[in-house]
Structure formats: C-alpha cells, structure tokens
N, C-alpha and C. Protein backbone atom coordinates (compact mmCIF):
# COMPACT_ATOMS: atom_id res chain seq x y z
N MET A 1 10.40 3.75 -9.46
CA MET A 1 11.46 3.17 -8.64
C MET A 1 12.69 2.92 -9.50
N ALA A 2 13.86 3.29 -8.98
CA ALA A 2 15.11 3.00 -9.67
C ALA A 2 15.53 1.57 -9.31
N TRP A 3 15.69 0.74 -10.35
CA TRP A 3 15.97 -0.68 -10.10
C TRP A 3 16.50 -1.32 -11.37
N ALA A 4 17.46 -2.22 -11.22
CA ALA A 4 18.02 -2.97 -12.34
C ALA A 4 18.49 -2.04 -13.46
N ASP A 5 19.16 -0.95 -13.09
CA ASP A 5 19.72 0.03 -14.03
C ASP A 5 18.69 0.73 -14.88
N ARG A 6 17.45 0.75 -14.41
CA ARG A 6 16.39 1.44 -15.13
C ARG A 6 15.45 2.11 -14.12
N LEU A 7 14.55 2.91 -14.64
CA LEU A 7 13.52 3.52 -13.81
C LEU A 7 12.18 2.88 -14.17
N TRP A 8 11.45 2.44 -13.15
CA TRP A 8 10.17 1.75 -13.34
C TRP A 8 9.05 2.64 -12.82
N ALA A 9 7.93 2.66 -13.55
CA ALA A 9 6.81 3.51 -13.16
C ALA A 9 5.49 2.84 -13.53
N VAL A 10 4.48 3.09 -12.71
CA VAL A 10 3.12 2.70 -13.07
C VAL A 10 2.27 3.96 -13.18
N THR A 11 1.40 4.00 -14.18
CA THR A 11 0.46 5.10 -14.31
C THR A 11 -0.80 4.75 -13.54
N TYR A 12 -1.58 5.77 -13.22
CA TYR A 12 -2.60 5.69 -12.17
C TYR A 12 -3.94 6.16 -12.71
N LEU A 13 -4.98 5.33 -12.56
CA LEU A 13 -6.34 5.72 -12.93
C LEU A 13 -7.02 6.34 -11.72
N SER A 14 -7.51 7.55 -11.87
CA SER A 14 -8.31 8.17 -10.82
C SER A 14 -9.77 7.86 -11.11
N THR A 15 -10.24 6.74 -10.59
CA THR A 15 -11.57 6.24 -10.91
C THR A 15 -12.30 5.84 -9.64
N PRO A 16 -13.64 5.76 -9.68
CA PRO A 16 -14.41 5.44 -8.48
C PRO A 16 -14.42 3.96 -8.12
N GLY A 17 -13.85 3.11 -8.91
CA GLY A 17 -13.88 1.68 -8.60
C GLY A 17 -12.67 0.96 -9.14
N PRO A 18 -12.44 -0.27 -8.70
CA PRO A 18 -11.21 -0.97 -9.09
C PRO A 18 -11.19 -1.49 -10.52
N HIS A 19 -12.32 -1.48 -11.23
CA HIS A 19 -12.36 -2.09 -12.56
C HIS A 19 -12.77 -1.09 -13.65
N SER A 20 -12.70 0.21 -13.37
CA SER A 20 -13.12 1.19 -14.36
C SER A 20 -11.91 1.94 -14.92
N GLY A 21 -12.02 2.32 -16.18
CA GLY A 21 -10.93 3.05 -16.82
C GLY A 21 -9.99 2.14 -17.58
N SER A 22 -9.16 2.75 -18.43
CA SER A 22 -8.22 1.97 -19.22
C SER A 22 -7.06 2.86 -19.64
N GLY A 23 -6.02 2.20 -20.18
CA GLY A 23 -4.91 2.93 -20.75
C GLY A 23 -3.67 3.03 -19.90
N THR A 24 -3.67 2.40 -18.74
CA THR A 24 -2.51 2.51 -17.86
C THR A 24 -1.67 1.24 -17.91
N GLY A 25 -0.49 1.29 -17.27
CA GLY A 25 0.36 0.12 -17.29
C GLY A 25 1.67 0.33 -16.58
N LEU A 26 2.57 -0.63 -16.78
CA LEU A 26 3.92 -0.58 -16.22
C LEU A 26 4.88 -0.11 -17.31
N TYR A 27 5.69 0.89 -16.97
CA TYR A 27 6.64 1.46 -17.91
C TYR A 27 8.06 1.27 -17.39
N VAL A 28 8.99 1.15 -18.32
CA VAL A 28 10.41 1.19 -17.98
C VAL A 28 11.02 2.37 -18.74
N ILE A 29 11.89 3.11 -18.06
CA ILE A 29 12.51 4.30 -18.63
C ILE A 29 14.02 4.09 -18.59
N ASP A 30 14.67 4.22 -19.75
CA ASP A 30 16.11 3.95 -19.80
C ASP A 30 16.92 5.22 -19.58
N GLU A 31 18.25 5.11 -19.74
CA GLU A 31 19.13 6.24 -19.44
C GLU A 31 18.97 7.40 -20.42
N THR A 32 18.34 7.17 -21.57
CA THR A 32 18.08 8.26 -22.51
C THR A 32 16.70 8.89 -22.28
N LEU A 33 16.00 8.45 -21.24
CA LEU A 33 14.65 8.88 -20.88
C LEU A 33 13.59 8.37 -21.86
N LYS A 34 13.94 7.34 -22.62
CA LYS A 34 12.96 6.69 -23.47
C LYS A 34 12.09 5.78 -22.61
N ALA A 35 10.77 5.94 -22.73
CA ALA A 35 9.81 5.15 -21.95
C ALA A 35 9.18 4.07 -22.84
N GLU A 36 9.03 2.89 -22.28
CA GLU A 36 8.41 1.77 -22.98
C GLU A 36 7.39 1.11 -22.07
N LYS A 37 6.17 0.91 -22.59
CA LYS A 37 5.15 0.22 -21.80
C LYS A 37 5.39 -1.29 -21.93
N LEU A 38 5.57 -1.96 -20.78
CA LEU A 38 5.84 -3.39 -20.78
C LEU A 38 4.62 -4.23 -20.40
N GLN A 39 3.72 -3.66 -19.62
CA GLN A 39 2.53 -4.37 -19.18
C GLN A 39 1.35 -3.41 -19.21
N VAL A 40 0.16 -3.92 -19.54
CA VAL A 40 -1.07 -3.16 -19.44
C VAL A 40 -1.79 -3.62 -18.18
N SER A 41 -2.07 -2.67 -17.29
CA SER A 41 -2.69 -3.06 -16.03
C SER A 41 -4.08 -2.47 -15.83
N ASN A 42 -4.32 -1.27 -16.38
CA ASN A 42 -5.62 -0.61 -16.24
C ASN A 42 -6.07 -0.58 -14.78
N GLY A 43 -5.16 -0.16 -13.92
CA GLY A 43 -5.47 -0.16 -12.50
C GLY A 43 -5.06 1.13 -11.81
N THR A 44 -5.29 1.13 -10.51
CA THR A 44 -4.94 2.24 -9.65
C THR A 44 -3.97 1.70 -8.60
N TYR A 45 -2.70 2.02 -8.75
CA TYR A 45 -1.67 1.46 -7.88
C TYR A 45 -0.78 2.57 -7.34
N ALA A 46 -0.63 2.61 -6.02
CA ALA A 46 0.25 3.59 -5.39
C ALA A 46 1.30 2.91 -4.51
N ASN A 47 1.34 1.60 -4.52
CA ASN A 47 2.25 0.85 -3.64
C ASN A 47 3.60 0.64 -4.31
N ARG A 48 4.64 0.65 -3.50
CA ARG A 48 5.98 0.32 -3.99
C ARG A 48 6.83 -0.09 -2.80
N MET A 49 7.70 -1.06 -3.01
CA MET A 49 8.54 -1.54 -1.92
C MET A 49 9.73 -2.29 -2.48
N LEU A 50 10.89 -2.10 -1.86
CA LEU A 50 12.05 -2.96 -2.12
C LEU A 50 11.98 -4.12 -1.13
N HIS A 51 11.84 -5.33 -1.65
CA HIS A 51 11.81 -6.53 -0.80
C HIS A 51 13.23 -7.07 -0.75
N ALA A 52 13.96 -6.64 0.28
CA ALA A 52 15.40 -6.87 0.33
C ALA A 52 15.76 -8.36 0.38
N SER A 53 14.99 -9.16 1.10
CA SER A 53 15.38 -10.55 1.28
C SER A 53 15.30 -11.36 -0.01
N SER A 54 14.48 -10.94 -0.96
CA SER A 54 14.42 -11.64 -2.25
C SER A 54 15.09 -10.84 -3.37
N ASN A 55 15.60 -9.64 -3.05
CA ASN A 55 16.28 -8.79 -4.02
C ASN A 55 15.37 -8.47 -5.20
N ARG A 56 14.14 -8.07 -4.87
CA ARG A 56 13.15 -7.70 -5.89
C ARG A 56 12.40 -6.46 -5.42
N ILE A 57 11.79 -5.77 -6.37
CA ILE A 57 10.89 -4.68 -6.01
C ILE A 57 9.46 -5.10 -6.31
N ILE A 58 8.56 -4.47 -5.57
CA ILE A 58 7.12 -4.62 -5.80
C ILE A 58 6.59 -3.24 -6.13
N ILE A 59 5.98 -3.10 -7.30
CA ILE A 59 5.39 -1.83 -7.72
C ILE A 59 4.08 -2.17 -8.42
N GLY A 60 2.97 -1.68 -7.86
CA GLY A 60 1.67 -2.12 -8.34
C GLY A 60 1.54 -3.62 -8.12
N PRO A 61 0.98 -4.35 -9.09
CA PRO A 61 0.88 -5.81 -8.97
C PRO A 61 2.06 -6.53 -9.59
N TYR A 62 3.19 -5.85 -9.75
CA TYR A 62 4.35 -6.40 -10.44
C TYR A 62 5.50 -6.64 -9.46
N VAL A 63 6.18 -7.75 -9.64
CA VAL A 63 7.39 -8.08 -8.89
C VAL A 63 8.53 -8.18 -9.89
N ILE A 64 9.59 -7.42 -9.68
CA ILE A 64 10.67 -7.30 -10.67
C ILE A 64 11.99 -7.66 -10.02
N ASP A 65 12.72 -8.59 -10.63
CA ASP A 65 14.00 -9.00 -10.06
C ASP A 65 15.14 -8.11 -10.54
N ILE A 66 16.35 -8.39 -10.09
CA ILE A 66 17.50 -7.54 -10.35
C ILE A 66 17.89 -7.54 -11.83
N HIS A 67 17.40 -8.51 -12.60
CA HIS A 67 17.68 -8.58 -14.04
C HIS A 67 16.58 -7.92 -14.87
N GLY A 68 15.55 -7.40 -14.20
CA GLY A 68 14.45 -6.77 -14.92
C GLY A 68 13.36 -7.72 -15.35
N ASN A 69 13.38 -8.97 -14.86
CA ASN A 69 12.31 -9.92 -15.17
C ASN A 69 11.08 -9.59 -14.34
N ILE A 70 9.92 -9.63 -14.98
CA ILE A 70 8.67 -9.18 -14.37
C ILE A 70 7.74 -10.37 -14.15
N LYS A 71 7.16 -10.43 -12.96
CA LYS A 71 6.07 -11.36 -12.69
C LYS A 71 4.87 -10.56 -12.20
N VAL A 72 3.67 -11.05 -12.53
CA VAL A 72 2.44 -10.35 -12.19
C VAL A 72 1.74 -11.10 -11.07
N ILE A 73 1.31 -10.36 -10.05
CA ILE A 73 0.50 -10.93 -8.97
C ILE A 73 -0.95 -10.95 -9.48
N LYS A 74 -1.33 -12.05 -10.11
CA LYS A 74 -2.62 -12.12 -10.81
C LYS A 74 -3.80 -11.87 -9.88
N GLU A 75 -3.74 -12.40 -8.66
CA GLU A 75 -4.87 -12.25 -7.74
C GLU A 75 -5.12 -10.81 -7.33
N LEU A 76 -4.09 -9.95 -7.43
CA LEU A 76 -4.23 -8.57 -6.98
C LEU A 76 -4.22 -7.57 -8.13
N GLU A 77 -4.17 -8.05 -9.36
CA GLU A 77 -4.08 -7.15 -10.51
C GLU A 77 -5.32 -6.27 -10.61
N GLY A 78 -6.48 -6.76 -10.20
CA GLY A 78 -7.71 -5.98 -10.28
C GLY A 78 -8.01 -5.16 -9.05
N GLN A 79 -7.10 -5.15 -8.08
CA GLN A 79 -7.31 -4.39 -6.85
C GLN A 79 -6.62 -3.02 -6.95
N ARG A 80 -7.16 -2.05 -6.22
CA ARG A 80 -6.51 -0.73 -6.16
C ARG A 80 -5.52 -0.76 -4.99
N LEU A 81 -4.28 -1.12 -5.32
CA LEU A 81 -3.26 -1.33 -4.30
C LEU A 81 -2.67 0.00 -3.85
N THR A 82 -2.63 0.21 -2.54
CA THR A 82 -2.13 1.47 -2.02
C THR A 82 -0.88 1.33 -1.17
N SER A 83 -0.62 0.14 -0.61
CA SER A 83 0.55 0.01 0.25
C SER A 83 1.01 -1.44 0.27
N THR A 84 2.34 -1.62 0.30
CA THR A 84 2.97 -2.91 0.53
C THR A 84 3.86 -2.76 1.76
N MET A 85 3.75 -3.70 2.70
CA MET A 85 4.41 -3.57 4.00
C MET A 85 5.18 -4.83 4.35
N LYS A 86 6.24 -4.68 5.11
CA LYS A 86 6.98 -5.82 5.61
C LYS A 86 6.09 -6.70 6.47
N HIS A 87 6.37 -8.01 6.43
CA HIS A 87 5.65 -8.95 7.29
C HIS A 87 6.17 -8.83 8.71
N LEU A 88 5.33 -9.15 9.67
CA LEU A 88 5.74 -9.04 11.07
C LEU A 88 6.78 -10.07 11.47
N ASN A 89 6.72 -11.27 10.87
CA ASN A 89 7.63 -12.33 11.34
C ASN A 89 8.11 -13.28 10.26
N ASP A 90 7.93 -12.94 8.98
CA ASP A 90 8.35 -13.84 7.90
C ASP A 90 8.88 -13.01 6.74
N ASP A 91 10.19 -13.06 6.50
CA ASP A 91 10.80 -12.30 5.40
C ASP A 91 10.35 -12.79 4.03
N GLY A 92 9.75 -13.96 3.97
CA GLY A 92 9.28 -14.50 2.70
C GLY A 92 7.87 -14.07 2.33
N ARG A 93 7.26 -13.22 3.14
CA ARG A 93 5.91 -12.73 2.87
C ARG A 93 5.85 -11.23 3.12
N VAL A 94 4.84 -10.58 2.54
CA VAL A 94 4.58 -9.17 2.77
C VAL A 94 3.08 -8.99 2.95
N TYR A 95 2.69 -7.81 3.39
CA TYR A 95 1.28 -7.45 3.48
C TYR A 95 0.95 -6.46 2.35
N MET A 96 -0.27 -6.55 1.84
CA MET A 96 -0.75 -5.66 0.80
C MET A 96 -2.08 -5.07 1.23
N LEU A 97 -2.24 -3.76 1.06
CA LEU A 97 -3.46 -3.05 1.42
C LEU A 97 -4.07 -2.43 0.18
N THR A 98 -5.41 -2.53 0.07
CA THR A 98 -6.10 -1.92 -1.06
C THR A 98 -6.90 -0.71 -0.60
N MET A 99 -7.27 0.13 -1.57
CA MET A 99 -8.03 1.33 -1.27
C MET A 99 -9.37 1.00 -0.63
N GLU A 100 -9.90 -0.19 -0.95
CA GLU A 100 -11.18 -0.61 -0.38
C GLU A 100 -11.03 -1.31 0.97
N GLY A 101 -9.83 -1.31 1.54
CA GLY A 101 -9.64 -1.86 2.88
C GLY A 101 -9.45 -3.36 2.93
N GLN A 102 -9.09 -3.97 1.79
CA GLN A 102 -8.77 -5.40 1.80
C GLN A 102 -7.30 -5.55 2.20
N PHE A 103 -7.05 -6.38 3.19
CA PHE A 103 -5.71 -6.53 3.75
C PHE A 103 -5.25 -7.95 3.49
N TYR A 104 -4.20 -8.09 2.66
CA TYR A 104 -3.73 -9.39 2.18
C TYR A 104 -2.34 -9.72 2.73
N GLU A 105 -2.07 -11.01 2.77
CA GLU A 105 -0.72 -11.52 2.98
C GLU A 105 -0.28 -12.17 1.67
N LEU A 106 0.90 -11.78 1.18
CA LEU A 106 1.41 -12.27 -0.10
C LEU A 106 2.65 -13.11 0.12
N ASP A 107 2.64 -14.33 -0.40
CA ASP A 107 3.81 -15.21 -0.38
C ASP A 107 4.73 -14.80 -1.53
N MET A 108 5.95 -14.39 -1.24
CA MET A 108 6.84 -13.90 -2.27
C MET A 108 7.44 -15.01 -3.14
N ASP A 109 7.36 -16.24 -2.70
CA ASP A 109 7.83 -17.36 -3.53
C ASP A 109 6.79 -17.76 -4.56
N THR A 110 5.55 -17.91 -4.12
CA THR A 110 4.48 -18.38 -5.01
C THR A 110 3.69 -17.24 -5.64
N LEU A 111 3.81 -16.03 -5.07
CA LEU A 111 3.01 -14.86 -5.43
C LEU A 111 1.52 -15.13 -5.27
N LYS A 112 1.17 -15.98 -4.33
CA LYS A 112 -0.22 -16.25 -3.97
C LYS A 112 -0.62 -15.33 -2.82
N ALA A 113 -1.79 -14.71 -2.95
CA ALA A 113 -2.28 -13.79 -1.94
C ALA A 113 -3.39 -14.43 -1.12
N ARG A 114 -3.38 -14.15 0.17
CA ARG A 114 -4.42 -14.65 1.07
C ARG A 114 -5.01 -13.46 1.82
N LYS A 115 -6.33 -13.27 1.68
CA LYS A 115 -6.96 -12.14 2.35
C LYS A 115 -7.08 -12.44 3.84
N LEU A 116 -6.56 -11.52 4.65
CA LEU A 116 -6.63 -11.67 6.10
C LEU A 116 -7.82 -10.91 6.69
N TYR A 117 -8.09 -9.70 6.16
CA TYR A 117 -9.16 -8.87 6.72
C TYR A 117 -9.83 -8.05 5.63
N ASN A 118 -11.13 -7.82 5.82
CA ASN A 118 -11.84 -6.75 5.15
C ASN A 118 -12.02 -5.67 6.20
N LEU A 119 -11.18 -4.64 6.16
CA LEU A 119 -11.16 -3.65 7.23
C LEU A 119 -12.40 -2.76 7.23
N VAL A 120 -13.07 -2.65 6.10
CA VAL A 120 -14.33 -1.89 6.05
C VAL A 120 -15.36 -2.57 6.95
N LYS A 121 -15.46 -3.90 6.83
CA LYS A 121 -16.39 -4.63 7.70
C LYS A 121 -15.86 -4.71 9.13
N GLU A 122 -14.57 -4.90 9.27
CA GLU A 122 -13.96 -5.01 10.59
C GLU A 122 -14.26 -3.79 11.45
N TRP A 123 -14.28 -2.61 10.83
CA TRP A 123 -14.47 -1.36 11.58
C TRP A 123 -15.81 -0.69 11.29
N SER A 124 -16.70 -1.36 10.56
CA SER A 124 -18.05 -0.84 10.26
C SER A 124 -17.99 0.54 9.62
N ILE A 125 -17.09 0.70 8.63
CA ILE A 125 -17.01 1.95 7.89
C ILE A 125 -18.20 2.03 6.94
N ASN A 126 -18.99 3.10 7.06
CA ASN A 126 -20.23 3.18 6.27
C ASN A 126 -20.19 4.26 5.20
N LYS A 127 -19.02 4.85 4.97
CA LYS A 127 -18.84 5.79 3.86
C LYS A 127 -17.78 5.22 2.92
N GLN A 128 -17.62 5.83 1.76
CA GLN A 128 -16.65 5.34 0.78
C GLN A 128 -15.27 5.23 1.40
N PRO A 129 -14.70 4.01 1.50
CA PRO A 129 -13.35 3.88 2.08
C PRO A 129 -12.30 4.45 1.13
N HIS A 130 -11.22 4.92 1.71
CA HIS A 130 -10.11 5.46 0.92
C HIS A 130 -8.82 5.17 1.68
N PHE A 131 -8.49 3.89 1.79
CA PHE A 131 -7.28 3.49 2.49
C PHE A 131 -6.06 3.89 1.68
N LYS A 132 -5.04 4.38 2.38
CA LYS A 132 -3.87 4.90 1.70
C LYS A 132 -2.59 4.27 2.25
N GLY A 133 -1.95 4.92 3.22
CA GLY A 133 -0.64 4.48 3.67
C GLY A 133 -0.70 3.30 4.63
N GLY A 134 0.43 2.61 4.72
CA GLY A 134 0.61 1.54 5.69
C GLY A 134 2.09 1.27 5.88
N TYR A 135 2.47 0.86 7.08
CA TYR A 135 3.89 0.61 7.34
C TYR A 135 4.00 -0.37 8.50
N THR A 136 5.11 -1.12 8.48
CA THR A 136 5.41 -2.07 9.56
C THR A 136 6.69 -1.64 10.26
N ASN A 137 6.59 -1.47 11.56
CA ASN A 137 7.76 -1.16 12.38
C ASN A 137 7.36 -1.32 13.84
N GLN A 138 8.35 -1.45 14.71
CA GLN A 138 8.12 -1.59 16.14
C GLN A 138 7.10 -2.69 16.45
N ASN A 139 7.21 -3.81 15.71
CA ASN A 139 6.38 -4.99 15.95
C ASN A 139 4.90 -4.74 15.76
N ARG A 140 4.57 -3.85 14.83
CA ARG A 140 3.16 -3.60 14.53
C ARG A 140 3.03 -3.10 13.10
N VAL A 141 1.85 -3.30 12.54
CA VAL A 141 1.47 -2.74 11.25
C VAL A 141 0.52 -1.58 11.53
N VAL A 142 0.76 -0.43 10.90
CA VAL A 142 -0.12 0.72 11.06
C VAL A 142 -0.67 1.09 9.69
N VAL A 143 -1.99 1.28 9.60
CA VAL A 143 -2.63 1.64 8.33
C VAL A 143 -3.50 2.88 8.51
N ALA A 144 -3.74 3.57 7.39
CA ALA A 144 -4.49 4.82 7.41
C ALA A 144 -5.63 4.77 6.41
N ASN A 145 -6.78 5.28 6.81
CA ASN A 145 -7.93 5.46 5.92
C ASN A 145 -8.36 6.92 6.01
N ASN A 146 -8.44 7.60 4.86
CA ASN A 146 -8.77 9.03 4.90
C ASN A 146 -10.16 9.32 4.37
N THR A 147 -11.12 8.42 4.62
CA THR A 147 -12.52 8.74 4.35
C THR A 147 -12.84 10.10 4.94
N TYR A 148 -13.30 11.02 4.09
CA TYR A 148 -13.48 12.40 4.54
C TYR A 148 -14.67 12.49 5.49
N PRO A 149 -14.49 13.14 6.64
CA PRO A 149 -15.56 13.13 7.64
C PRO A 149 -16.62 14.19 7.38
N GLU A 150 -17.83 13.85 7.76
CA GLU A 150 -18.88 14.84 7.93
C GLU A 150 -19.03 15.05 9.44
N PRO A 151 -19.66 16.13 9.87
CA PRO A 151 -19.74 16.37 11.31
C PRO A 151 -20.29 15.16 12.07
N GLY A 152 -19.51 14.71 13.04
CA GLY A 152 -19.97 13.62 13.89
C GLY A 152 -19.63 12.23 13.41
N ASP A 153 -19.17 12.06 12.15
CA ASP A 153 -18.88 10.69 11.72
C ASP A 153 -17.46 10.30 12.11
N ARG A 154 -17.21 8.99 12.15
CA ARG A 154 -15.95 8.45 12.65
C ARG A 154 -15.39 7.43 11.67
N ASN A 155 -15.51 7.71 10.37
CA ASN A 155 -15.08 6.74 9.36
C ASN A 155 -13.60 6.81 9.04
N GLY A 156 -12.98 7.97 9.19
CA GLY A 156 -11.54 8.04 9.04
C GLY A 156 -10.86 7.23 10.13
N LYS A 157 -9.72 6.61 9.81
CA LYS A 157 -9.09 5.72 10.79
C LYS A 157 -7.57 5.79 10.72
N LEU A 158 -6.95 5.66 11.87
CA LEU A 158 -5.56 5.28 12.01
C LEU A 158 -5.58 4.10 12.97
N ALA A 159 -5.01 2.97 12.55
CA ALA A 159 -5.13 1.75 13.34
C ALA A 159 -3.84 0.94 13.28
N GLU A 160 -3.61 0.14 14.31
CA GLU A 160 -2.43 -0.72 14.36
C GLU A 160 -2.85 -2.17 14.60
N TRP A 161 -2.00 -3.08 14.12
CA TRP A 161 -2.25 -4.53 14.21
C TRP A 161 -0.97 -5.20 14.69
N ASP A 162 -1.10 -6.06 15.69
CA ASP A 162 0.07 -6.75 16.24
C ASP A 162 0.20 -8.18 15.74
N GLY A 163 -0.58 -8.54 14.72
CA GLY A 163 -0.59 -9.90 14.21
C GLY A 163 -1.70 -10.74 14.79
N ARG A 164 -2.40 -10.19 15.80
CA ARG A 164 -3.51 -10.91 16.43
C ARG A 164 -4.81 -10.12 16.37
N SER A 165 -4.75 -8.84 16.72
CA SER A 165 -5.95 -8.03 16.74
C SER A 165 -5.63 -6.59 16.37
N TRP A 166 -6.66 -5.88 15.88
CA TRP A 166 -6.52 -4.48 15.49
C TRP A 166 -6.90 -3.57 16.65
N ARG A 167 -6.24 -2.42 16.71
CA ARG A 167 -6.57 -1.41 17.70
C ARG A 167 -6.68 -0.06 16.99
N ILE A 168 -7.82 0.60 17.15
CA ILE A 168 -8.04 1.92 16.55
C ILE A 168 -7.29 2.96 17.37
N LEU A 169 -6.45 3.74 16.70
CA LEU A 169 -5.70 4.80 17.36
C LEU A 169 -6.40 6.15 17.26
N GLU A 170 -7.02 6.39 16.10
CA GLU A 170 -7.74 7.65 15.88
C GLU A 170 -8.93 7.38 14.96
N ASN A 171 -10.06 8.03 15.24
CA ASN A 171 -11.21 7.99 14.34
C ASN A 171 -11.28 9.29 13.54
N LYS A 172 -10.16 9.59 12.87
CA LYS A 172 -10.04 10.77 12.03
C LYS A 172 -9.36 10.35 10.74
N PRO A 173 -9.53 11.13 9.67
CA PRO A 173 -8.91 10.75 8.40
C PRO A 173 -7.39 10.89 8.44
N PHE A 174 -6.70 9.82 8.03
CA PHE A 174 -5.24 9.82 7.94
C PHE A 174 -4.83 9.39 6.54
N MET A 175 -3.75 10.00 6.05
CA MET A 175 -3.31 9.80 4.68
C MET A 175 -2.13 8.86 4.55
N GLU A 176 -1.12 9.02 5.41
CA GLU A 176 0.15 8.35 5.18
C GLU A 176 0.75 7.87 6.49
N VAL A 177 1.46 6.75 6.40
CA VAL A 177 2.25 6.22 7.51
C VAL A 177 3.62 5.89 6.93
N ALA A 178 4.68 6.31 7.61
CA ALA A 178 6.03 6.08 7.09
C ALA A 178 7.01 6.00 8.24
N SER A 179 8.20 5.46 7.93
CA SER A 179 9.22 5.29 8.95
C SER A 179 10.57 5.18 8.27
N ARG A 180 11.64 5.31 9.08
CA ARG A 180 13.00 5.07 8.63
C ARG A 180 13.66 4.18 9.67
N TYR A 181 14.07 2.99 9.26
CA TYR A 181 14.66 2.06 10.22
C TYR A 181 15.97 2.59 10.79
N GLU A 182 16.69 3.40 10.00
CA GLU A 182 17.96 3.94 10.49
C GLU A 182 17.75 5.23 11.29
N PHE A 183 16.50 5.62 11.51
CA PHE A 183 16.16 6.85 12.24
C PHE A 183 15.47 6.47 13.55
N ASP A 184 16.11 5.54 14.27
CA ASP A 184 15.60 5.07 15.57
C ASP A 184 14.20 4.47 15.48
N ASN A 185 13.82 3.99 14.27
CA ASN A 185 12.55 3.30 14.07
C ASN A 185 11.33 4.16 14.37
N VAL A 186 11.49 5.48 14.37
CA VAL A 186 10.33 6.35 14.59
C VAL A 186 9.35 6.17 13.43
N MET A 187 8.05 6.07 13.75
CA MET A 187 7.01 5.95 12.74
C MET A 187 6.14 7.21 12.79
N PHE A 188 5.83 7.76 11.61
CA PHE A 188 5.04 8.98 11.50
C PHE A 188 3.73 8.69 10.78
N ALA A 189 2.68 9.42 11.16
CA ALA A 189 1.39 9.34 10.47
C ALA A 189 0.86 10.75 10.29
N THR A 190 0.29 11.03 9.12
CA THR A 190 -0.25 12.36 8.83
C THR A 190 -1.74 12.27 8.56
N GLY A 191 -2.49 13.22 9.14
CA GLY A 191 -3.94 13.26 8.96
C GLY A 191 -4.45 14.66 9.20
N TRP A 192 -5.76 14.77 9.46
CA TRP A 192 -6.35 16.08 9.71
C TRP A 192 -7.69 15.92 10.42
N ASP A 193 -8.18 17.03 10.96
CA ASP A 193 -9.55 17.11 11.43
C ASP A 193 -10.14 18.44 10.97
N ASP A 194 -11.26 18.85 11.53
CA ASP A 194 -11.93 20.05 11.04
C ASP A 194 -11.11 21.32 11.22
N SER A 195 -10.16 21.31 12.14
CA SER A 195 -9.42 22.54 12.43
C SER A 195 -7.92 22.44 12.28
N SER A 196 -7.38 21.22 12.09
CA SER A 196 -5.93 21.08 12.16
C SER A 196 -5.41 20.03 11.20
N ALA A 197 -4.15 20.24 10.79
CA ALA A 197 -3.37 19.15 10.24
C ALA A 197 -2.77 18.38 11.42
N ILE A 198 -2.65 17.05 11.29
CA ILE A 198 -2.21 16.21 12.39
C ILE A 198 -0.94 15.46 11.98
N LEU A 199 0.06 15.52 12.82
CA LEU A 199 1.25 14.70 12.68
C LEU A 199 1.42 13.92 13.97
N LYS A 200 1.40 12.58 13.86
CA LYS A 200 1.60 11.74 15.03
C LYS A 200 2.92 10.97 14.84
N ALA A 201 3.61 10.76 15.94
CA ALA A 201 4.88 10.04 15.90
C ALA A 201 4.87 8.95 16.96
N LEU A 202 5.33 7.76 16.56
CA LEU A 202 5.53 6.65 17.49
C LEU A 202 7.03 6.50 17.67
N ILE A 203 7.52 6.80 18.88
CA ILE A 203 8.97 6.82 19.11
C ILE A 203 9.39 5.71 20.07
C-alpha cells in the first residue's frame, strides 16, 4: 500500500495453519526502492484497507498513521487475516475476517477485537475452510469462502450479513468480493463450479 510517502508491504506464509512458518513481516520501501523490515509477524495476511475516518491504513495486523507510526493489533497477530471491511454503522470500527472463518469487530481507537462469529460453526463447514474476500456496501457485508468442492458437497460459500443475521447466497466456492463506491455501489463476487467461472453482481 502506498501511504505516508512510502510503500508498505507484508510478506505471506503459505502454510496449513495460523501458527506455522517463520521469516515474514512488515516492510517499508522508500523512493530508492530500498526495503526495510520494521516488524516480524510470521503470519499469513492478505487484508488491506484505507480507514478514511481515522486517516490510517490497515495492512495485516498493523495500523499505520499518516506519519508512518505503526501499532500492532495484538489480538489478531496470530490470525490468518484475509479481509478488512467497513463497519455497517460505526466509522470508528471495522470488521476483520480470517481464513478460518473467524469474523471480528475491531475498535479503531483501542485496537481491541471482539469476535462476533465463527462462520465455520455457523454454517457447519466440514472441510478445510479457506475464507478470502469480504466487502461492505449496500447496507450489507458479503464474504466468500472457497473451500474446494467434491461432488455433492456444499462447503464453498458466498454469504451476506445485515448486522443481525447471515444469509447464504451460494453454496459454491467464491474467492473475492469487491466494489467501487463511485461506481454506483455495484458489488462483484467471483467464484466457480464444476463447469464454469462465476461472476455475480449486486446492482
């Protein structure tokens, strides 16, 4: 992410669990392309978000202000974070999703996380979960799980949450959910089944 006159990056462990592997961290890259490791995280992080109301970015378990000061979300440092999403009704909080289907609410002032759901249990997923994308728009949160299907299984998911209850949209593997607020708030989700690539749009 480009932020505070520098480029910020996290390296990624491709591992079967949230606590295996080592050697990764948070890097800052300057205008000469010199990279410096600032934090050791040893994690698997694919989430990134500009939190406009606090003028900070969230990348992995790190929150970075406009001056380049870094704070660590200690409660989520050991989680495999895959998505950070806008809150439905509070600019001072965000949602965080992990690869294992843990769905958190994070207070941006205190950086304290509160688990709202274990989506693996919520939806009785009985194969290895692989939650990926998530996005908030049109008064709902949409998340994707791309657990690869075997014939007849329904572990892949595309689901939406209105702040009260979850609704399953598809029992197929989905990878990503994204939107552009300046593009009429259309939300897109990408997935697949045995015969097709799937693109769904909420307009």
